């Protein structure tokens, strides 16, 4: 309820994003928009919270942004790719200082847009700032190394690293700041020019940073668009003028975009795709420590991480004890809104995700799995409680698919090989 929300985190006004960044200008948008809702309710009766709106852009705006990036790069002869290292570093330092001022605004939107807990939202912002400073230091070291001659098989050489060209970047919703900047910042500082489209969730939190991007870099170096990936990214790829596709997301999206590039053999790829990471618990494991680690790996940010543990293999000898203790610990986790103290499970940002997790659950139970914990599968409007499933077989969807949410399949084994 609204009166339980700390004042600094209350939504007092919506953010109607009517500007986008192309060629160094914050252009006004007067076309169609899409509403941005949070699955977190601010009333006693559950109702999604309207956070604002974003432009629903298309091919014309996409190609405009691409042209700006191409002109700024100018086949490697543009102002940015030819700029001295110390000057590029100065631009990046200006940007990160302006970014730091927006900490509270970005953290608040991280909580509302994707349901990330308060400590994790602050951590994501602070880690991102630290990452930018580390990248600047790494770039300085790279520059120092390139000033030296290297000898290889009797040949002396100067080795310098240069930009690759125009980068199209599509960010993920689970770490819309950190993982976005982990690709965007190195691409920019190395002298590339960029076209960036934020993810479908965690999009408004880019708004407080638009002006920092605009005022810190030369025209056309950073271009920021809003809208659906297929409406914005597809026209850009079809031109064949993009040198690098940087995408964190689903392999289907990555494959579809690659196929649209007419010269895909020349396209460089920087991809972070889905995963099915296992935890393997051996018979001599310290169960106290192991259960702590597996809980962190499976439920941190509700399992919505590429690096989350998606399947747990437990040795037969310790399986009964593990399942009993692990299930109790899962049921004891605290569910609540992101700003509540000690909260470990938070509302899911995708409205359809609880229903999808229920589908996986129903399929597994129909094929012989049992829900091991009492609360497993309990629904609220915007959440489904983590279900510990055992036994799990390879024909179950939850074994085959990346669940990217709160459901934990457990398998047993006897031989590590």
Protein backbone atom coordinates (compact mmCIF):
# COMPACT_ATOMS: atom_id res chain seq x y z
CA UNK A 1 0.00 0.00 0.00
CA UNK A 2 1.15 3.54 -0.76
CA UNK A 3 1.44 4.59 2.89
CA UNK A 4 3.88 1.68 3.45
CA UNK A 5 6.17 2.89 0.68
CA UNK A 6 9.02 5.09 1.98
CA UNK A 7 8.49 8.65 0.76
CA UNK A 8 11.70 8.75 -1.31
CA UNK A 9 10.58 5.68 -3.27
CA UNK A 10 6.95 6.70 -3.91
CA UNK A 11 5.80 7.33 -7.48
CA UNK A 12 4.53 10.89 -7.25
CA UNK A 13 4.54 11.58 -10.98
CA UNK A 14 4.89 9.54 -14.14
CA UNK A 15 7.84 9.83 -16.52
CA UNK A 16 6.59 10.40 -20.04
CA UNK A 17 9.75 9.99 -22.07
CA UNK A 18 9.27 12.27 -25.05
CA UNK A 19 12.93 12.68 -26.03
CA UNK A 20 15.48 10.42 -27.66
CA UNK A 21 19.15 11.01 -28.46
CA UNK A 22 20.34 11.15 -32.07
CA UNK A 23 23.38 12.97 -33.48
CA UNK A 24 23.99 14.87 -30.25
CA UNK A 25 20.45 16.28 -30.07
CA UNK A 26 17.68 15.37 -27.65
CA UNK A 27 14.92 15.15 -30.26
CA UNK A 28 11.24 15.48 -29.36
CA UNK A 29 8.93 12.58 -30.09
CA UNK A 30 5.34 13.25 -31.09
CA UNK A 31 4.34 9.83 -32.40
CA UNK A 32 2.88 6.70 -30.81
CA UNK A 33 3.92 5.78 -27.28
CA UNK A 34 3.78 2.65 -25.12
CA UNK A 35 2.79 2.79 -21.47
CA UNK A 36 5.29 1.45 -18.93
CA UNK A 37 3.74 -0.40 -15.98
CA UNK A 38 5.25 -1.89 -12.86
CA UNK A 39 3.85 -5.18 -11.56
CA UNK A 40 4.31 -3.68 -8.08
CA UNK A 41 1.01 -2.25 -6.80
CA UNK A 42 0.89 1.03 -4.89
CA UNK A 43 -2.69 0.46 -3.64
CA UNK A 44 -4.24 -1.99 -1.19
CA UNK A 45 -6.21 -3.64 -4.04
CA UNK A 46 -3.74 -5.13 -6.48
CA UNK A 47 -3.36 -3.03 -9.61
CA UNK A 48 -0.23 -2.52 -11.77
CA UNK A 49 1.37 0.90 -11.25
CA UNK A 50 1.69 3.23 -14.24
CA UNK A 51 5.27 4.54 -14.31
CA UNK A 52 5.14 6.51 -17.54
CA UNK A 53 5.50 6.01 -21.28
CA UNK A 54 8.17 5.62 -23.94
CA UNK A 55 8.28 6.36 -27.68
CA UNK A 56 7.20 3.55 -29.98
CA UNK A 57 9.74 4.15 -32.74
CA UNK A 58 10.16 2.56 -36.14
CA UNK A 59 12.30 2.34 -39.24
CA UNK A 60 12.66 6.08 -39.97
CA UNK A 61 14.07 6.88 -36.52
CA UNK A 62 16.27 3.76 -36.58
CA UNK A 63 17.89 4.70 -39.89
CA UNK A 64 18.31 8.29 -38.73
CA UNK A 65 20.24 7.07 -35.68
CA UNK A 66 22.32 4.71 -37.84
CA UNK A 67 23.23 7.57 -40.22
CA UNK A 68 24.34 9.66 -37.24
CA UNK A 69 26.58 6.84 -35.99
CA UNK A 70 28.01 6.23 -39.49
CA UNK A 71 28.80 9.95 -39.97
CA UNK A 72 30.40 10.17 -36.53
CA UNK A 73 32.57 7.13 -37.30
CA UNK A 74 33.29 8.25 -40.92
CA UNK A 75 35.12 5.00 -41.79
CA UNK A 76 37.44 5.53 -38.85
CA UNK A 77 38.24 9.14 -39.74
CA UNK A 78 35.62 10.82 -37.54
CA UNK A 79 36.31 13.11 -34.59
CA UNK A 80 35.73 10.34 -32.02
CA UNK A 81 37.74 7.43 -33.50
CA UNK A 82 40.70 9.76 -34.22
CA UNK A 83 40.55 11.58 -30.88
CA UNK A 84 43.57 11.30 -28.56
CA UNK A 85 43.26 8.72 -25.80
CA UNK A 86 43.49 11.32 -23.04
CA UNK A 87 40.63 13.29 -24.59
CA UNK A 88 38.39 10.23 -24.89
CA UNK A 89 39.15 9.43 -21.25
CA UNK A 90 38.22 12.98 -20.26
CA UNK A 91 34.84 12.61 -22.01
CA UNK A 92 34.20 9.33 -20.19
CA UNK A 93 35.18 10.85 -16.82
CA UNK A 94 32.76 13.73 -17.46
CA UNK A 95 30.03 11.21 -18.21
CA UNK A 96 30.54 9.09 -15.08
CA UNK A 97 30.54 12.20 -12.84
CA UNK A 98 27.19 13.28 -14.32
CA UNK A 99 25.90 9.72 -13.97
CA UNK A 100 26.76 9.58 -10.25
CA UNK A 101 24.43 12.55 -9.61
CA UNK A 102 21.49 10.43 -10.85
CA UNK A 103 22.07 7.53 -8.40
CA UNK A 104 18.82 7.88 -6.44
CA UNK A 105 16.65 8.38 -9.54
CA UNK A 106 18.09 5.30 -11.28
CA UNK A 107 17.88 3.10 -8.15
CA UNK A 108 14.23 4.04 -7.58
CA UNK A 109 13.39 3.05 -11.17
CA UNK A 110 15.36 -0.21 -10.88
CA UNK A 111 13.11 -1.18 -7.96
CA UNK A 112 9.84 -0.19 -9.63
CA UNK A 113 10.57 -1.32 -13.18
CA UNK A 114 12.14 -4.73 -12.60
CA UNK A 115 11.42 -5.41 -8.92
CA UNK A 116 15.07 -5.56 -7.86
CA UNK A 117 15.58 -5.32 -4.09
CA UNK A 118 16.88 -2.05 -2.63
CA UNK A 119 20.36 -3.41 -1.67
CA UNK A 120 20.76 -5.08 -5.09
CA UNK A 121 19.60 -1.93 -6.91
CA UNK A 122 22.15 0.24 -5.09
CA UNK A 123 24.77 -2.45 -5.68
CA UNK A 124 24.00 -2.54 -9.41
CA UNK A 125 24.41 1.23 -9.72
CA UNK A 126 27.59 1.38 -7.61
CA UNK A 127 29.17 -1.61 -9.37
CA UNK A 128 28.46 0.03 -12.72
CA UNK A 129 30.16 3.26 -11.70
CA UNK A 130 33.12 1.28 -10.36
CA UNK A 131 33.21 -0.69 -13.63
CA UNK A 132 33.45 2.53 -15.67
CA UNK A 133 36.39 3.75 -13.56
CA UNK A 134 38.06 0.33 -13.91
CA UNK A 135 37.52 0.45 -17.68
CA UNK A 136 39.18 3.88 -17.83
CA UNK A 137 42.19 2.52 -15.89
CA UNK A 138 42.38 -0.53 -18.16
CA UNK A 139 42.26 1.71 -21.22
CA UNK A 140 45.14 3.81 -19.84
CA UNK A 141 47.17 0.61 -19.36
CA UNK A 142 46.31 -0.54 -22.88
CA UNK A 143 47.55 2.78 -24.21
CA UNK A 144 50.80 2.54 -22.19
CA UNK A 145 51.42 -0.98 -23.50
CA UNK A 146 50.83 0.12 -27.10
CA UNK A 147 53.62 2.72 -26.74
CA UNK A 148 56.21 -0.06 -26.34
CA UNK A 149 57.87 -2.15 -29.03
CA UNK A 150 57.23 -5.89 -28.84
CA UNK A 151 59.61 -8.49 -30.22
CA UNK A 152 58.29 -11.70 -31.75
CA UNK A 153 60.43 -14.15 -33.75
CA UNK A 154 63.03 -11.47 -34.39
CA UNK A 155 60.46 -8.90 -35.56
CA UNK A 156 59.90 -5.68 -33.61
CA UNK A 157 56.38 -4.31 -33.75
CA UNK A 158 54.20 -1.54 -32.40
CA UNK A 159 50.78 -2.99 -31.59
CA UNK A 160 47.87 -0.61 -31.25
CA UNK A 161 44.23 -1.48 -30.79
CA UNK A 162 41.63 0.45 -32.75
CA UNK A 163 37.83 0.70 -32.96
CA UNK A 164 35.77 -1.70 -35.06
CA UNK A 165 33.11 0.69 -36.34
CA UNK A 166 29.40 1.13 -35.65
CA UNK A 167 27.98 -0.98 -32.81
CA UNK A 168 24.28 -1.85 -32.48
CA UNK A 169 23.58 -2.67 -28.84
CA UNK A 170 20.45 -4.24 -27.34
CA UNK A 171 20.42 -4.50 -23.55
CA UNK A 172 18.87 -7.04 -21.14
CA UNK A 173 16.11 -6.35 -18.59
CA UNK A 174 17.59 -8.22 -15.62
CA UNK A 175 20.67 -5.96 -15.31
CA UNK A 176 19.49 -3.03 -17.43
CA UNK A 177 22.25 -0.76 -16.13
CA UNK A 178 25.22 -2.98 -15.27
CA UNK A 179 25.22 -5.42 -18.19
CA UNK A 180 24.24 -2.68 -20.59
CA UNK A 181 27.18 -0.52 -19.59
CA UNK A 182 29.57 -3.49 -19.42
CA UNK A 183 29.27 -3.64 -23.22
CA UNK A 184 28.44 -0.04 -24.08
CA UNK A 185 31.24 1.69 -22.13
CA UNK A 186 34.20 -0.31 -23.59
CA UNK A 187 32.72 0.07 -27.09
CA UNK A 188 32.51 3.85 -26.69
CA UNK A 189 35.88 4.42 -25.02
CA UNK A 190 37.70 2.43 -27.74
CA UNK A 191 36.43 4.89 -30.38
CA UNK A 192 33.41 3.07 -31.79
CA UNK A 193 30.11 4.84 -32.37
CA UNK A 194 26.89 3.28 -31.09
CA UNK A 195 23.16 2.85 -31.55
CA UNK A 196 21.60 1.64 -28.31
CA UNK A 197 18.07 0.42 -27.56
CA UNK A 198 17.21 -0.35 -23.92
CA UNK A 199 15.37 -3.54 -22.96
CA UNK A 200 11.55 -3.81 -22.72
CA UNK A 201 11.72 -3.65 -18.89
CA UNK A 202 14.14 -1.29 -17.15
CA UNK A 203 13.82 1.26 -19.94
CA UNK A 204 12.77 4.42 -18.06
CA UNK A 205 15.89 4.27 -15.87
CA UNK A 206 17.92 5.34 -18.94
CA UNK A 207 15.93 8.63 -18.95
CA UNK A 208 17.93 10.33 -16.14
CA UNK A 209 21.15 9.53 -18.06
CA UNK A 210 20.16 10.87 -21.50
CA UNK A 211 21.52 14.36 -20.84
CA UNK A 212 24.78 12.94 -19.47
CA UNK A 213 25.29 11.01 -22.73
CA UNK A 214 24.35 14.04 -24.81
CA UNK A 215 26.71 16.50 -23.11
CA UNK A 216 29.70 14.17 -22.56
CA UNK A 217 30.42 12.85 -26.07
CA UNK A 218 30.68 14.34 -29.57
CA UNK A 219 27.68 14.26 -31.91
CA UNK A 220 26.61 10.83 -33.11
CA UNK A 221 28.86 8.81 -30.79
CA UNK A 222 25.92 7.63 -28.64
CA UNK A 223 22.45 7.37 -30.17
CA UNK A 224 19.59 6.10 -27.99
CA UNK A 225 16.30 4.80 -29.39
CA UNK A 226 13.14 3.41 -27.78
CA UNK A 227 10.65 0.86 -29.07
CA UNK A 228 10.38 -2.80 -30.01
CA UNK A 229 13.53 -4.61 -31.14
CA UNK A 230 12.00 -5.90 -34.38
CA UNK A 231 10.77 -2.40 -35.31
CA UNK A 232 14.07 -0.65 -34.52
CA UNK A 233 16.90 -3.18 -34.75
CA UNK A 234 15.74 -5.12 -37.82
CA UNK A 235 15.84 -2.14 -40.26
CA UNK A 236 19.33 -1.24 -39.01
CA UNK A 237 20.64 -4.78 -39.53
CA UNK A 238 19.13 -5.05 -43.02
CA UNK A 239 21.28 -2.14 -44.24
CA UNK A 240 24.44 -4.18 -43.66
CA UNK A 241 26.13 -1.04 -42.35
CA UNK A 242 26.53 -2.24 -38.76
CA UNK A 243 29.98 -3.61 -37.90
CA UNK A 244 29.23 -5.12 -34.49
CA UNK A 245 26.06 -6.61 -32.97
CA UNK A 246 26.23 -6.57 -29.16
CA UNK A 247 23.27 -8.33 -27.57
CA UNK A 248 22.50 -9.83 -24.19
CA UNK A 249 19.34 -11.89 -24.42
CA UNK A 250 17.89 -14.87 -26.21
CA UNK A 251 19.64 -16.93 -28.90
CA UNK A 252 16.51 -16.79 -31.10
CA UNK A 253 16.75 -12.98 -31.17
CA UNK A 254 20.50 -13.14 -31.86
CA UNK A 255 20.04 -15.62 -34.74
CA UNK A 256 17.15 -13.64 -36.25
CA UNK A 257 19.16 -10.40 -36.22
CA UNK A 258 22.31 -12.00 -37.64
CA UNK A 259 20.32 -13.49 -40.51
CA UNK A 260 19.03 -10.04 -41.48
CA UNK A 261 22.56 -8.70 -42.04
CA UNK A 262 23.35 -9.10 -45.78
CA UNK A 263 27.09 -9.58 -45.07
CA UNK A 264 26.94 -11.62 -41.87
CA UNK A 265 30.47 -12.98 -42.49
CA UNK A 266 31.72 -9.43 -41.81
CA UNK A 267 29.53 -8.90 -38.75
CA UNK A 268 31.30 -9.16 -35.40
CA UNK A 269 29.26 -10.54 -32.53
CA UNK A 270 29.42 -9.83 -28.81
CA UNK A 271 26.68 -12.01 -27.32
CA UNK A 272 25.50 -13.05 -23.86
CA UNK A 273 22.80 -15.67 -24.27
CA UNK A 274 20.70 -18.06 -22.18
CA UNK A 275 22.29 -20.70 -19.95
CA UNK A 276 21.35 -23.78 -17.92
CA UNK A 277 24.00 -23.60 -15.21
CA UNK A 278 24.23 -26.63 -12.89
CA UNK A 279 25.09 -26.93 -9.22
CA UNK A 280 26.72 -30.31 -8.48
CA UNK A 281 26.59 -31.35 -4.82
CA UNK A 282 29.08 -34.11 -3.93
CA UNK A 283 28.66 -36.54 -1.00
CA UNK A 284 31.36 -34.88 1.13
CA UNK A 285 29.86 -31.36 0.76
CA UNK A 286 29.46 -29.15 3.83
CA UNK A 287 25.65 -28.94 3.65
CA UNK A 288 25.32 -25.70 5.62
CA UNK A 289 27.64 -23.88 3.22
CA UNK A 290 26.24 -25.70 0.17
CA UNK A 291 22.62 -24.82 0.93
CA UNK A 292 23.56 -21.15 1.43
CA UNK A 293 25.32 -21.14 -1.95
CA UNK A 294 22.54 -22.98 -3.81
CA UNK A 295 19.88 -20.64 -2.36
CA UNK A 296 21.91 -17.63 -3.46
CA UNK A 297 22.45 -19.17 -6.90
CA UNK A 298 18.86 -20.24 -7.53
CA UNK A 299 16.84 -17.43 -5.93
CA UNK A 300 18.97 -14.26 -6.13
CA UNK A 301 16.80 -11.78 -8.10
CA UNK A 302 14.22 -14.60 -8.32
CA UNK A 303 16.52 -16.67 -10.55
CA UNK A 304 16.34 -14.03 -13.31
CA UNK A 305 20.05 -14.06 -14.08
CA UNK A 306 22.02 -15.65 -16.93
CA UNK A 307 24.43 -16.93 -14.25
CA UNK A 308 21.71 -18.25 -11.93
CA UNK A 309 21.79 -21.94 -10.98
CA UNK A 310 19.08 -23.45 -13.19
CA UNK A 311 19.40 -27.14 -12.24
CA UNK A 312 20.76 -28.84 -9.09
CA UNK A 313 22.43 -32.28 -9.15
CA UNK A 314 22.69 -33.89 -5.68
CA UNK A 315 24.52 -37.14 -4.83
CA UNK A 316 22.20 -39.99 -3.76
CA UNK A 317 23.98 -40.35 -0.39
CA UNK A 318 22.99 -36.87 0.81
CA UNK A 319 19.87 -36.28 -1.29
CA UNK A 320 17.23 -36.85 1.47
CA UNK A 321 18.98 -34.53 3.94
CA UNK A 322 19.66 -31.90 1.27
CA UNK A 323 16.05 -31.85 0.02
CA UNK A 324 14.60 -31.62 3.54
CA UNK A 325 16.85 -28.76 4.69
CA UNK A 326 16.91 -26.93 1.36
CA UNK A 327 13.09 -26.97 1.05
CA UNK A 328 12.65 -25.55 4.57
CA UNK A 329 15.12 -22.78 3.84
CA UNK A 330 13.35 -21.86 0.57
CA UNK A 331 10.02 -21.59 2.42
CA UNK A 332 11.64 -19.35 5.04
CA UNK A 333 12.74 -16.71 2.50
CA UNK A 334 11.07 -13.30 2.84
CA UNK A 335 8.84 -12.10 0.00
CA UNK A 336 7.96 -8.42 -0.30
CA UNK A 337 8.42 -5.17 -2.17
CA UNK A 338 11.99 -4.14 -3.11
CA UNK A 339 12.34 -1.40 -0.45
CA UNK A 340 11.39 -3.67 2.47
CA UNK A 341 14.23 -4.64 4.82
CA UNK A 342 15.56 -8.16 4.48
CA UNK A 343 13.42 -9.00 1.45
CA UNK A 344 14.85 -11.81 -0.71
CA UNK A 345 12.01 -12.52 -3.16
CA UNK A 346 10.34 -9.67 -5.03
CA UNK A 347 7.55 -9.25 -7.64
CA UNK A 348 8.38 -10.47 -11.14
CA UNK A 349 8.61 -7.69 -13.78
CA UNK A 350 7.11 -9.73 -16.62
CA UNK A 351 3.32 -9.98 -16.21
CA UNK A 352 3.20 -13.37 -17.94
CA UNK A 353 6.08 -14.97 -16.02
CA UNK A 354 4.08 -16.55 -13.11
CA UNK A 355 1.84 -18.31 -15.66
CA UNK A 356 4.90 -19.59 -17.57
CA UNK A 357 6.48 -20.94 -14.35
CA UNK A 358 3.14 -22.63 -13.55
CA UNK A 359 3.23 -24.31 -16.99
CA UNK A 360 6.70 -25.73 -16.22
CA UNK A 361 5.45 -26.85 -12.82
CA UNK A 362 2.35 -28.57 -14.21
CA UNK A 363 4.38 -30.33 -16.90
CA UNK A 364 6.92 -31.61 -14.35
CA UNK A 365 4.27 -32.84 -11.90
CA UNK A 366 2.39 -34.59 -14.73
CA UNK A 367 5.62 -36.42 -15.62
CA UNK A 368 6.35 -37.62 -12.08
CA UNK A 369 7.98 -34.75 -10.17
CA UNK A 370 6.89 -33.80 -6.66
CA UNK A 371 6.95 -30.32 -5.12
CA UNK A 372 9.23 -30.74 -2.09
CA UNK A 373 8.49 -27.49 -0.24
CA UNK A 374 5.13 -26.53 1.28
CA UNK A 375 4.94 -23.07 -0.29
CA UNK A 376 6.14 -24.21 -3.74
CA UNK A 377 3.94 -22.82 -6.53
CA UNK A 378 1.82 -20.53 -4.31
CA UNK A 379 0.55 -17.61 -6.42
CA UNK A 380 0.11 -13.94 -5.81
CA UNK A 381 -0.86 -11.49 -8.56
CA UNK A 382 2.71 -10.82 -9.62
CA UNK A 383 4.66 -13.74 -8.15
CA UNK A 384 4.84 -17.51 -7.86
CA UNK A 385 6.71 -19.02 -4.91
CA UNK A 386 9.90 -20.99 -5.79
CA UNK A 387 9.05 -24.69 -6.14
CA UNK A 388 11.72 -27.30 -5.37
CA UNK A 389 11.02 -30.15 -7.80
CA UNK A 390 12.22 -33.75 -7.39
CA UNK A 391 12.62 -36.17 -9.09
CA UNK A 392 13.23 -34.40 -12.40
CA UNK A 393 13.72 -36.29 -15.68
CA UNK A 394 15.17 -35.17 -18.99
CA UNK A 395 11.80 -35.19 -20.77
CA UNK A 396 10.45 -32.39 -18.55
CA UNK A 397 10.33 -28.84 -19.92
CA UNK A 398 11.95 -27.49 -16.74
CA UNK A 399 15.01 -29.64 -17.50
CA UNK A 400 15.22 -28.53 -21.14
CA UNK A 401 14.27 -24.83 -20.95
CA UNK A 402 15.99 -21.93 -19.21
CA UNK A 403 13.30 -21.08 -16.65
CA UNK A 404 14.71 -17.60 -15.82
CA UNK A 405 12.51 -17.47 -12.76
CA UNK A 406 11.68 -19.04 -9.40
CA UNK A 407 11.55 -22.81 -9.98
CA UNK A 408 14.30 -25.22 -8.89
CA UNK A 409 14.67 -28.65 -10.56
CA UNK A 410 16.70 -31.21 -8.57
CA UNK A 411 18.21 -34.44 -9.97
CA UNK A 412 20.15 -37.11 -8.09
CA UNK A 413 23.25 -39.00 -9.26
CA UNK A 414 25.54 -41.77 -8.01
CA UNK A 415 28.59 -41.48 -10.25
CA UNK A 416 30.18 -38.05 -10.91
CA UNK A 417 31.17 -39.10 -14.44
